[in-house]
Amino acid sequence: MGFRRLILPENNRRSVDAPAALEVIGVRSIFEALELVVSE
C-alpha cells in the first residue's frame, strides 16, 4: 500500500520535503480534509 497524497495543515505545507510522486495538499480545517478523503 503506497500513499499518493499527503494532507496537512496549510501553514505546514511549504516546510514539507515530500517525494515528487507524493501530492502535498494543504487544508485549513478538518472539514476540508474530510471532504478530500471522502471525495475519492
N, C-alpha and C. Protein backbone atom coordinates (compact mmCIF):
# COMPACT_ATOMS: atom_id res chain seq x y z
N MET A 1 0.85 -1.17 0.00
CA MET A 1 0.00 0.00 0.00
C MET A 1 0.90 1.24 0.00
N GLY A 2 0.80 2.01 -1.05
CA GLY A 2 1.58 3.24 -1.12
C GLY A 2 0.67 4.45 -1.03
N PHE A 3 1.17 5.49 -0.44
CA PHE A 3 0.40 6.72 -0.32
C PHE A 3 0.64 7.58 -1.55
N ARG A 4 -0.40 8.24 -2.03
CA ARG A 4 -0.30 9.13 -3.18
C ARG A 4 -0.46 10.59 -2.77
N ARG A 5 -1.14 10.83 -1.64
CA ARG A 5 -1.41 12.20 -1.19
C ARG A 5 -1.04 12.36 0.27
N LEU A 6 -0.62 13.56 0.59
CA LEU A 6 -0.32 13.94 1.97
C LEU A 6 -1.18 15.16 2.28
N ILE A 7 -2.08 15.01 3.24
CA ILE A 7 -2.97 16.11 3.63
C ILE A 7 -2.49 16.63 4.98
N LEU A 8 -2.20 17.91 5.03
CA LEU A 8 -1.68 18.51 6.25
C LEU A 8 -2.14 19.96 6.35
N PRO A 9 -1.95 20.60 7.52
CA PRO A 9 -2.36 21.99 7.67
C PRO A 9 -1.66 22.89 6.65
N GLU A 10 -2.40 23.82 6.10
CA GLU A 10 -1.88 24.74 5.08
C GLU A 10 -0.60 25.43 5.55
N ASN A 11 -0.53 25.81 6.81
CA ASN A 11 0.65 26.51 7.34
C ASN A 11 1.91 25.65 7.30
N ASN A 12 1.77 24.35 7.30
CA ASN A 12 2.93 23.44 7.30
C ASN A 12 3.30 22.94 5.91
N ARG A 13 2.50 23.28 4.94
CA ARG A 13 2.67 22.72 3.59
C ARG A 13 4.04 23.01 2.98
N ARG A 14 4.51 24.21 3.10
CA ARG A 14 5.78 24.58 2.47
C ARG A 14 7.00 24.00 3.16
N SER A 15 6.86 23.62 4.41
CA SER A 15 8.01 23.11 5.16
C SER A 15 8.23 21.60 4.98
N VAL A 16 7.37 20.95 4.20
CA VAL A 16 7.48 19.50 4.00
C VAL A 16 8.34 19.20 2.78
N ASP A 17 9.29 18.31 2.96
CA ASP A 17 10.14 17.87 1.85
C ASP A 17 9.65 16.49 1.42
N ALA A 18 8.63 16.47 0.57
CA ALA A 18 7.99 15.22 0.16
C ALA A 18 8.56 14.75 -1.17
N PRO A 19 8.53 13.44 -1.41
CA PRO A 19 8.96 12.92 -2.71
C PRO A 19 8.10 13.49 -3.83
N ALA A 20 8.65 13.59 -5.02
CA ALA A 20 7.94 14.17 -6.17
C ALA A 20 6.66 13.42 -6.50
N ALA A 21 6.63 12.13 -6.24
CA ALA A 21 5.45 11.32 -6.57
C ALA A 21 4.29 11.53 -5.59
N LEU A 22 4.54 12.23 -4.51
CA LEU A 22 3.53 12.45 -3.48
C LEU A 22 2.89 13.82 -3.65
N GLU A 23 1.57 13.86 -3.76
CA GLU A 23 0.84 15.12 -3.87
C GLU A 23 0.63 15.69 -2.47
N VAL A 24 1.14 16.88 -2.23
CA VAL A 24 1.01 17.52 -0.92
C VAL A 24 -0.16 18.51 -0.98
N ILE A 25 -1.14 18.33 -0.10
CA ILE A 25 -2.34 19.15 -0.09
C ILE A 25 -2.47 19.84 1.27
N GLY A 26 -2.54 21.15 1.25
CA GLY A 26 -2.73 21.91 2.48
C GLY A 26 -4.20 22.23 2.69
N VAL A 27 -4.68 22.03 3.91
CA VAL A 27 -6.08 22.32 4.24
C VAL A 27 -6.14 23.28 5.42
N ARG A 28 -7.25 23.97 5.54
CA ARG A 28 -7.44 24.95 6.61
C ARG A 28 -8.32 24.45 7.73
N SER A 29 -8.99 23.31 7.52
CA SER A 29 -9.87 22.78 8.56
C SER A 29 -9.99 21.26 8.44
N ILE A 30 -10.44 20.65 9.51
CA ILE A 30 -10.71 19.20 9.49
C ILE A 30 -11.80 18.90 8.47
N PHE A 31 -12.79 19.75 8.38
CA PHE A 31 -13.88 19.56 7.42
C PHE A 31 -13.33 19.50 6.00
N GLU A 32 -12.43 20.40 5.67
CA GLU A 32 -11.82 20.42 4.34
C GLU A 32 -11.03 19.13 4.08
N ALA A 33 -10.31 18.65 5.08
CA ALA A 33 -9.55 17.41 4.94
C ALA A 33 -10.49 16.22 4.72
N LEU A 34 -11.57 16.18 5.48
CA LEU A 34 -12.53 15.08 5.33
C LEU A 34 -13.19 15.10 3.96
N GLU A 35 -13.48 16.27 3.44
CA GLU A 35 -14.05 16.36 2.10
C GLU A 35 -13.11 15.74 1.07
N LEU A 36 -11.82 15.99 1.20
CA LEU A 36 -10.85 15.42 0.28
C LEU A 36 -10.80 13.90 0.39
N VAL A 37 -10.84 13.39 1.60
CA VAL A 37 -10.75 11.95 1.82
C VAL A 37 -12.00 11.25 1.30
N VAL A 38 -13.16 11.81 1.58
CA VAL A 38 -14.42 11.18 1.19
C VAL A 38 -14.67 11.29 -0.31
N SER A 39 -14.17 12.32 -0.95
CA SER A 39 -14.45 12.54 -2.37
C SER A 39 -13.76 11.53 -3.28
N GLU A 40 -12.78 10.81 -2.78
CA GLU A 40 -12.07 9.86 -3.64
C GLU A 40 -12.77 8.57 -3.78
